[in-house]
Amino acid sequence: MANDLTTYARAGYDGNDNPHLCTSPAWYAHAFGRYMHDTGRPVPTDVRMGRGDSIRCRDMRFTFTTSAGRVTFIRES
């Protein structure tokens, strides 16, 4: 699937450095994977960008905000 970002999220979950252009979909997915790891959640699967400032993982939607190069995720559903 062309918009599948799971590989990038898995790299973040595994603790790899985020080499992607800041605010690109790959960067958000990588940061999301790190968030999933740091909050004790399972390995991300089926990761894709949502509408607006959101990212989807399985059947969950997370909104994000970015400030000073840091991203914060909030689970919406």
PDB file of N, CA and C in Angstrom:
ATOM      1  N   MET A   1       0.854  -1.180   0.000  1.00  0.00           N
ATOM      2  CA  MET A   1       0.000   0.000   0.000  1.00  0.00           C
ATOM      3  C   MET A   1       0.898   1.241   0.000  1.00  0.00           C
ATOM      4  N   ALA A   2       0.605   2.174  -0.865  1.00  0.00           N
ATOM      5  CA  ALA A   2       1.469   3.334  -1.075  1.00  0.00           C
ATOM      6  C   ALA A   2       1.569   4.250   0.136  1.00  0.00           C
ATOM      7  N   ASN A   3       0.528   4.372   0.922  1.00  0.00           N
ATOM      8  CA  ASN A   3       0.571   5.291   2.068  1.00  0.00           C
ATOM      9  C   ASN A   3       0.818   4.577   3.400  1.00  0.00           C
ATOM     10  N   ASP A   4       1.296   3.339   3.348  1.00  0.00           N
ATOM     11  CA  ASP A   4       1.593   2.578   4.567  1.00  0.00           C
ATOM     12  C   ASP A   4       2.900   3.084   5.178  1.00  0.00           C
ATOM     13  N   LEU A   5       2.831   3.552   6.414  1.00  0.00           N
ATOM     14  CA  LEU A   5       3.995   4.110   7.111  1.00  0.00           C
ATOM     15  C   LEU A   5       4.470   3.207   8.247  1.00  0.00           C
ATOM     16  N   THR A   6       4.022   1.969   8.256  1.00  0.00           N
ATOM     17  CA  THR A   6       4.330   1.052   9.343  1.00  0.00           C
ATOM     18  C   THR A   6       5.835   0.818   9.499  1.00  0.00           C
ATOM     19  N   THR A   7       6.565   0.730   8.406  1.00  0.00           N
ATOM     20  CA  THR A   7       8.017   0.501   8.469  1.00  0.00           C
ATOM     21  C   THR A   7       8.711   1.630   9.220  1.00  0.00           C
ATOM     22  N   TYR A   8       8.304   2.860   8.973  1.00  0.00           N
ATOM     23  CA  TYR A   8       8.897   4.007   9.663  1.00  0.00           C
ATOM     24  C   TYR A   8       8.529   4.002  11.151  1.00  0.00           C
ATOM     25  N   ALA A   9       7.280   3.673  11.440  1.00  0.00           N
ATOM     26  CA  ALA A   9       6.836   3.611  12.838  1.00  0.00           C
ATOM     27  C   ALA A   9       7.579   2.512  13.587  1.00  0.00           C
ATOM     28  N   ARG A  10       7.807   1.390  12.934  1.00  0.00           N
ATOM     29  CA  ARG A  10       8.521   0.284  13.572  1.00  0.00           C
ATOM     30  C   ARG A  10       9.965   0.677  13.882  1.00  0.00           C
ATOM     31  N   ALA A  11      10.594   1.440  12.983  1.00  0.00           N
ATOM     32  CA  ALA A  11      11.964   1.905  13.226  1.00  0.00           C
ATOM     33  C   ALA A  11      12.008   2.802  14.456  1.00  0.00           C
ATOM     34  N   GLY A  12      11.016   3.675  14.619  1.00  0.00           N
ATOM     35  CA  GLY A  12      10.939   4.511  15.811  1.00  0.00           C
ATOM     36  C   GLY A  12      10.692   3.687  17.055  1.00  0.00           C
ATOM     37  N   TYR A  13       9.824   2.705  16.953  1.00  0.00           N
ATOM     38  CA  TYR A  13       9.512   1.821  18.077  1.00  0.00           C
ATOM     39  C   TYR A  13      10.772   1.077  18.524  1.00  0.00           C
ATOM     40  N   ASP A  14      11.596   0.694  17.556  1.00  0.00           N
ATOM     41  CA  ASP A  14      12.833  -0.048  17.853  1.00  0.00           C
ATOM     42  C   ASP A  14      13.965   0.840  18.363  1.00  0.00           C
ATOM     43  N   GLY A  15      13.747   2.166  18.417  1.00  0.00           N
ATOM     44  CA  GLY A  15      14.742   3.062  18.987  1.00  0.00           C
ATOM     45  C   GLY A  15      15.748   3.619  18.005  1.00  0.00           C
ATOM     46  N   ASN A  16      15.526   3.445  16.719  1.00  0.00           N
ATOM     47  CA  ASN A  16      16.443   3.995  15.722  1.00  0.00           C
ATOM     48  C   ASN A  16      16.319   5.513  15.653  1.00  0.00           C
ATOM     49  N   ASP A  17      17.391   6.175  15.215  1.00  0.00           N
ATOM     50  CA  ASP A  17      17.354   7.622  15.013  1.00  0.00           C
ATOM     51  C   ASP A  17      16.359   7.959  13.917  1.00  0.00           C
ATOM     52  N   ASN A  18      15.779   9.150  13.989  1.00  0.00           N
ATOM     53  CA  ASN A  18      14.814   9.599  12.995  1.00  0.00           C
ATOM     54  C   ASN A  18      15.530  10.463  11.956  1.00  0.00           C
ATOM     55  N   PRO A  19      15.879   9.891  10.793  1.00  0.00           N
ATOM     56  CA  PRO A  19      16.633  10.628   9.787  1.00  0.00           C
ATOM     57  C   PRO A  19      15.762  11.393   8.794  1.00  0.00           C
ATOM     58  N   HIS A  20      14.462  11.377   8.958  1.00  0.00           N
ATOM     59  CA  HIS A  20      13.540  11.915   7.969  1.00  0.00           C
ATOM     60  C   HIS A  20      13.368  13.428   8.098  1.00  0.00           C
ATOM     61  N   LEU A  21      12.967  14.040   7.011  1.00  0.00           N
ATOM     62  CA  LEU A  21      12.721  15.473   6.977  1.00  0.00           C
ATOM     63  C   LEU A  21      11.625  15.820   7.976  1.00  0.00           C
ATOM     64  N   CYS A  22      11.914  16.764   8.857  1.00  0.00           N
ATOM     65  CA  CYS A  22      10.969  17.168   9.902  1.00  0.00           C
ATOM     66  C   CYS A  22       9.626  17.547   9.285  1.00  0.00           C
ATOM     67  N   THR A  23       8.589  17.027   9.826  1.00  0.00           N
ATOM     68  CA  THR A  23       7.179  17.206   9.440  1.00  0.00           C
ATOM     69  C   THR A  23       6.770  16.417   8.203  1.00  0.00           C
ATOM     70  N   SER A  24       7.644  15.561   7.670  1.00  0.00           N
ATOM     71  CA  SER A  24       7.230  14.680   6.578  1.00  0.00           C
ATOM     72  C   SER A  24       6.414  13.529   7.182  1.00  0.00           C
ATOM     73  N   PRO A  25       5.594  12.856   6.399  1.00  0.00           N
ATOM     74  CA  PRO A  25       4.852  11.715   6.932  1.00  0.00           C
ATOM     75  C   PRO A  25       5.759  10.651   7.569  1.00  0.00           C
ATOM     76  N   ALA A  26       6.918  10.409   6.963  1.00  0.00           N
ATOM     77  CA  ALA A  26       7.852   9.427   7.531  1.00  0.00           C
ATOM     78  C   ALA A  26       8.353   9.881   8.898  1.00  0.00           C
ATOM     79  N   TRP A  27       8.600  11.177   9.058  1.00  0.00           N
ATOM     80  CA  TRP A  27       9.069  11.709  10.341  1.00  0.00           C
ATOM     81  C   TRP A  27       8.004  11.521  11.416  1.00  0.00           C
ATOM     82  N   TYR A  28       6.751  11.870  11.086  1.00  0.00           N
ATOM     83  CA  TYR A  28       5.657  11.694  12.049  1.00  0.00           C
ATOM     84  C   TYR A  28       5.466  10.225  12.408  1.00  0.00           C
ATOM     85  N   ALA A  29       5.536   9.346  11.423  1.00  0.00           N
ATOM     86  CA  ALA A  29       5.368   7.917  11.695  1.00  0.00           C
ATOM     87  C   ALA A  29       6.476   7.405  12.603  1.00  0.00           C
ATOM     88  N   HIS A  30       7.692   7.822  12.352  1.00  0.00           N
ATOM     89  CA  HIS A  30       8.825   7.415  13.186  1.00  0.00           C
ATOM     90  C   HIS A  30       8.634   7.915  14.614  1.00  0.00           C
ATOM     91  N   ALA A  31       8.268   9.182  14.755  1.00  0.00           N
ATOM     92  CA  ALA A  31       8.022   9.748  16.085  1.00  0.00           C
ATOM     93  C   ALA A  31       6.859   9.041  16.770  1.00  0.00           C
ATOM     94  N   PHE A  32       5.860   8.658  16.006  1.00  0.00           N
ATOM     95  CA  PHE A  32       4.719   7.939  16.550  1.00  0.00           C
ATOM     96  C   PHE A  32       5.150   6.574  17.087  1.00  0.00           C
ATOM     97  N   GLY A  33       6.006   5.897  16.343  1.00  0.00           N
ATOM     98  CA  GLY A  33       6.525   4.603  16.810  1.00  0.00           C
ATOM     99  C   GLY A  33       7.270   4.747  18.127  1.00  0.00           C
ATOM    100  N   ARG A  34       8.062   5.805  18.262  1.00  0.00           N
ATOM    101  CA  ARG A  34       8.787   6.072  19.510  1.00  0.00           C
ATOM    102  C   ARG A  34       7.788   6.326  20.637  1.00  0.00           C
ATOM    103  N   TYR A  35       6.744   7.100  20.357  1.00  0.00           N
ATOM    104  CA  TYR A  35       5.685   7.369  21.343  1.00  0.00           C
ATOM    105  C   TYR A  35       5.027   6.059  21.799  1.00  0.00           C
ATOM    106  N   MET A  36       4.727   5.185  20.850  1.00  0.00           N
ATOM    107  CA  MET A  36       4.093   3.908  21.200  1.00  0.00           C
ATOM    108  C   MET A  36       4.994   3.107  22.136  1.00  0.00           C
ATOM    109  N   HIS A  37       6.276   3.087  21.843  1.00  0.00           N
ATOM    110  CA  HIS A  37       7.223   2.367  22.705  1.00  0.00           C
ATOM    111  C   HIS A  37       7.309   3.002  24.085  1.00  0.00           C
ATOM    112  N   ASP A  38       7.479   4.310  24.111  1.00  0.00           N
ATOM    113  CA  ASP A  38       7.687   5.024  25.376  1.00  0.00           C
ATOM    114  C   ASP A  38       6.477   4.974  26.291  1.00  0.00           C
ATOM    115  N   THR A  39       5.284   4.770  25.730  1.00  0.00           N
ATOM    116  CA  THR A  39       4.072   4.705  26.549  1.00  0.00           C
ATOM    117  C   THR A  39       3.629   3.267  26.808  1.00  0.00           C
ATOM    118  N   GLY A  40       4.483   2.301  26.461  1.00  0.00           N
ATOM    119  CA  GLY A  40       4.200   0.901  26.763  1.00  0.00           C
ATOM    120  C   GLY A  40       3.116   0.275  25.904  1.00  0.00           C
ATOM    121  N   ARG A  41       2.897   0.827  24.739  1.00  0.00           N
ATOM    122  CA  ARG A  41       1.872   0.289  23.840  1.00  0.00           C
ATOM    123  C   ARG A  41       2.480  -0.761  22.917  1.00  0.00           C
ATOM    124  N   PRO A  42       1.643  -1.556  22.271  1.00  0.00           N
ATOM    125  CA  PRO A  42       2.170  -2.604  21.387  1.00  0.00           C
ATOM    126  C   PRO A  42       2.822  -2.037  20.126  1.00  0.00           C
ATOM    127  N   VAL A  43       3.556  -2.888  19.444  1.00  0.00           N
ATOM    128  CA  VAL A  43       4.219  -2.514  18.200  1.00  0.00           C
ATOM    129  C   VAL A  43       3.171  -1.969  17.226  1.00  0.00           C
ATOM    130  N   PRO A  44       3.426  -0.811  16.631  1.00  0.00           N
ATOM    131  CA  PRO A  44       2.449  -0.225  15.715  1.00  0.00           C
ATOM    132  C   PRO A  44       2.316  -1.034  14.426  1.00  0.00           C
ATOM    133  N   THR A  45       1.079  -1.184  13.980  1.00  0.00           N
ATOM    134  CA  THR A  45       0.792  -1.831  12.703  1.00  0.00           C
ATOM    135  C   THR A  45      -0.231  -0.990  11.952  1.00  0.00           C
ATOM    136  N   ASP A  46      -0.265  -1.152  10.644  1.00  0.00           N
ATOM    137  CA  ASP A  46      -1.215  -0.450   9.786  1.00  0.00           C
ATOM    138  C   ASP A  46      -1.207   1.062  10.059  1.00  0.00           C
ATOM    139  N   VAL A  47      -0.025   1.658  10.031  1.00  0.00           N
ATOM    140  CA  VAL A  47       0.148   3.084  10.334  1.00  0.00           C
ATOM    141  C   VAL A  47       0.022   3.889   9.048  1.00  0.00           C
ATOM    142  N   ARG A  48      -0.785   4.952   9.098  1.00  0.00           N
ATOM    143  CA  ARG A  48      -0.974   5.830   7.947  1.00  0.00           C
ATOM    144  C   ARG A  48      -1.386   7.208   8.433  1.00  0.00           C
ATOM    145  N   MET A  49      -1.157   8.198   7.614  1.00  0.00           N
ATOM    146  CA  MET A  49      -1.584   9.555   7.963  1.00  0.00           C
ATOM    147  C   MET A  49      -3.096   9.636   7.856  1.00  0.00           C
ATOM    148  N   GLY A  50      -3.680  10.423   8.752  1.00  0.00           N
ATOM    149  CA  GLY A  50      -5.111  10.689   8.700  1.00  0.00           C
ATOM    150  C   GLY A  50      -5.333  12.074   8.132  1.00  0.00           C
ATOM    151  N   ARG A  51      -6.532  12.539   8.238  1.00  0.00           N
ATOM    152  CA  ARG A  51      -6.846  13.889   7.764  1.00  0.00           C
ATOM    153  C   ARG A  51      -6.377  14.909   8.786  1.00  0.00           C
ATOM    154  N   GLY A  52      -5.947  16.057   8.277  1.00  0.00           N
ATOM    155  CA  GLY A  52      -5.488  17.117   9.165  1.00  0.00           C
ATOM    156  C   GLY A  52      -4.266  16.684   9.953  1.00  0.00           C
ATOM    157  N   ASP A  53      -4.241  17.023  11.207  1.00  0.00           N
ATOM    158  CA  ASP A  53      -3.106  16.691  12.077  1.00  0.00           C
ATOM    159  C   ASP A  53      -3.384  15.397  12.826  1.00  0.00           C
ATOM    160  N   SER A  54      -3.452  14.294  12.081  1.00  0.00           N
ATOM    161  CA  SER A  54      -3.709  13.011  12.732  1.00  0.00           C
ATOM    162  C   SER A  54      -2.954  11.893  12.045  1.00  0.00           C
ATOM    163  N   ILE A  55      -2.767  10.834  12.793  1.00  0.00           N
ATOM    164  CA  ILE A  55      -2.129   9.622  12.295  1.00  0.00           C
ATOM    165  C   ILE A  55      -2.963   8.453  12.806  1.00  0.00           C
ATOM    166  N   ARG A  56      -3.080   7.429  11.990  1.00  0.00           N
ATOM    167  CA  ARG A  56      -3.892   6.264  12.351  1.00  0.00           C
ATOM    168  C   ARG A  56      -3.014   5.040  12.541  1.00  0.00           C
ATOM    169  N   CYS A  57      -3.403   4.227  13.485  1.00  0.00           N
ATOM    170  CA  CYS A  57      -2.718   2.965  13.772  1.00  0.00           C
ATOM    171  C   CYS A  57      -3.810   1.943  14.077  1.00  0.00           C
ATOM    172  N   ARG A  58      -3.892   0.915  13.249  1.00  0.00           N
ATOM    173  CA  ARG A  58      -4.998  -0.050  13.347  1.00  0.00           C
ATOM    174  C   ARG A  58      -6.322   0.707  13.288  1.00  0.00           C
ATOM    175  N   ASP A  59      -7.159   0.582  14.296  1.00  0.00           N
ATOM    176  CA  ASP A  59      -8.448   1.277  14.299  1.00  0.00           C
ATOM    177  C   ASP A  59      -8.439   2.500  15.210  1.00  0.00           C
ATOM    178  N   MET A  60      -7.250   2.953  15.614  1.00  0.00           N
ATOM    179  CA  MET A  60      -7.136   4.106  16.511  1.00  0.00           C
ATOM    180  C   MET A  60      -6.681   5.340  15.736  1.00  0.00           C
ATOM    181  N   ARG A  61      -7.111   6.498  16.206  1.00  0.00           N
ATOM    182  CA  ARG A  61      -6.698   7.767  15.611  1.00  0.00           C
ATOM    183  C   ARG A  61      -6.041   8.613  16.688  1.00  0.00           C
ATOM    184  N   PHE A  62      -4.892   9.178  16.363  1.00  0.00           N
ATOM    185  CA  PHE A  62      -4.153  10.051  17.264  1.00  0.00           C
ATOM    186  C   PHE A  62      -3.987  11.406  16.589  1.00  0.00           C
ATOM    187  N   THR A  63      -4.256  12.475  17.299  1.00  0.00           N
ATOM    188  CA  THR A  63      -3.945  13.794  16.774  1.00  0.00           C
ATOM    189  C   THR A  63      -2.562  14.183  17.294  1.00  0.00           C
ATOM    190  N   PHE A  64      -1.917  15.086  16.602  1.00  0.00           N
ATOM    191  CA  PHE A  64      -0.589  15.506  17.033  1.00  0.00           C
ATOM    192  C   PHE A  64      -0.435  17.010  16.926  1.00  0.00           C
ATOM    193  N   THR A  65       0.442  17.524  17.761  1.00  0.00           N
ATOM    194  CA  THR A  65       0.859  18.921  17.703  1.00  0.00           C
ATOM    195  C   THR A  65       2.377  18.938  17.687  1.00  0.00           C
ATOM    196  N   THR A  66       2.923  19.921  17.024  1.00  0.00           N
ATOM    197  CA  THR A  66       4.375  20.039  16.912  1.00  0.00           C
ATOM    198  C   THR A  66       4.801  21.387  17.458  1.00  0.00           C
ATOM    199  N   SER A  67       5.836  21.374  18.304  1.00  0.00           N
ATOM    200  CA  SER A  67       6.369  22.607  18.862  1.00  0.00           C
ATOM    201  C   SER A  67       7.865  22.436  19.073  1.00  0.00           C
ATOM    202  N   ALA A  68       8.641  23.335  18.524  1.00  0.00           N
ATOM    203  CA  ALA A  68      10.105  23.327  18.673  1.00  0.00           C
ATOM    204  C   ALA A  68      10.712  21.976  18.293  1.00  0.00           C
ATOM    205  N   GLY A  69      10.215  21.378  17.206  1.00  0.00           N
ATOM    206  CA  GLY A  69      10.767  20.119  16.733  1.00  0.00           C
ATOM    207  C   GLY A  69      10.336  18.902  17.522  1.00  0.00           C
ATOM    208  N   ARG A  70       9.438  19.083  18.482  1.00  0.00           N
ATOM    209  CA  ARG A  70       8.920  17.957  19.273  1.00  0.00           C
ATOM    210  C   ARG A  70       7.463  17.745  18.911  1.00  0.00           C
ATOM    211  N   VAL A  71       7.049  16.508  18.951  1.00  0.00           N
ATOM    212  CA  VAL A  71       5.678  16.188  18.595  1.00  0.00           C
ATOM    213  C   VAL A  71       4.984  15.525  19.785  1.00  0.00           C
ATOM    214  N   THR A  72       3.723  15.857  19.989  1.00  0.00           N
ATOM    215  CA  THR A  72       2.917  15.287  21.070  1.00  0.00           C
ATOM    216  C   THR A  72       1.711  14.599  20.431  1.00  0.00           C
ATOM    217  N   PHE A  73       1.425  13.369  20.851  1.00  0.00           N
ATOM    218  CA  PHE A  73       0.301  12.602  20.322  1.00  0.00           C
ATOM    219  C   PHE A  73      -0.781  12.458  21.390  1.00  0.00           C
ATOM    220  N   ILE A  74      -2.046  12.536  20.964  1.00  0.00           N
ATOM    221  CA  ILE A  74      -3.193  12.356  21.859  1.00  0.00           C
ATOM    222  C   ILE A  74      -4.143  11.381  21.179  1.00  0.00           C
ATOM    223  N   ARG A  75      -4.502  10.316  21.884  1.00  0.00           N
ATOM    224  CA  ARG A  75      -5.423   9.333  21.304  1.00  0.00           C
ATOM    225  C   ARG A  75      -6.823   9.911  21.249  1.00  0.00           C
ATOM    226  N   GLU A  76      -7.433   9.833  20.081  1.00  0.00           N
ATOM    227  CA  GLU A  76      -8.789  10.358  19.878  1.00  0.00           C
ATOM    228  C   GLU A  76      -9.816   9.241  19.908  1.00  0.00           C
ATOM    229  N   SER A  77      -9.512   8.109  19.333  1.00  0.00           N
ATOM    230  CA  SER A  77     -10.478   7.003  19.316  1.00  0.00           C
ATOM    231  C   SER A  77      -9.770   5.688  19.110  1.00  0.00           C
TER     232      SER A  77
END
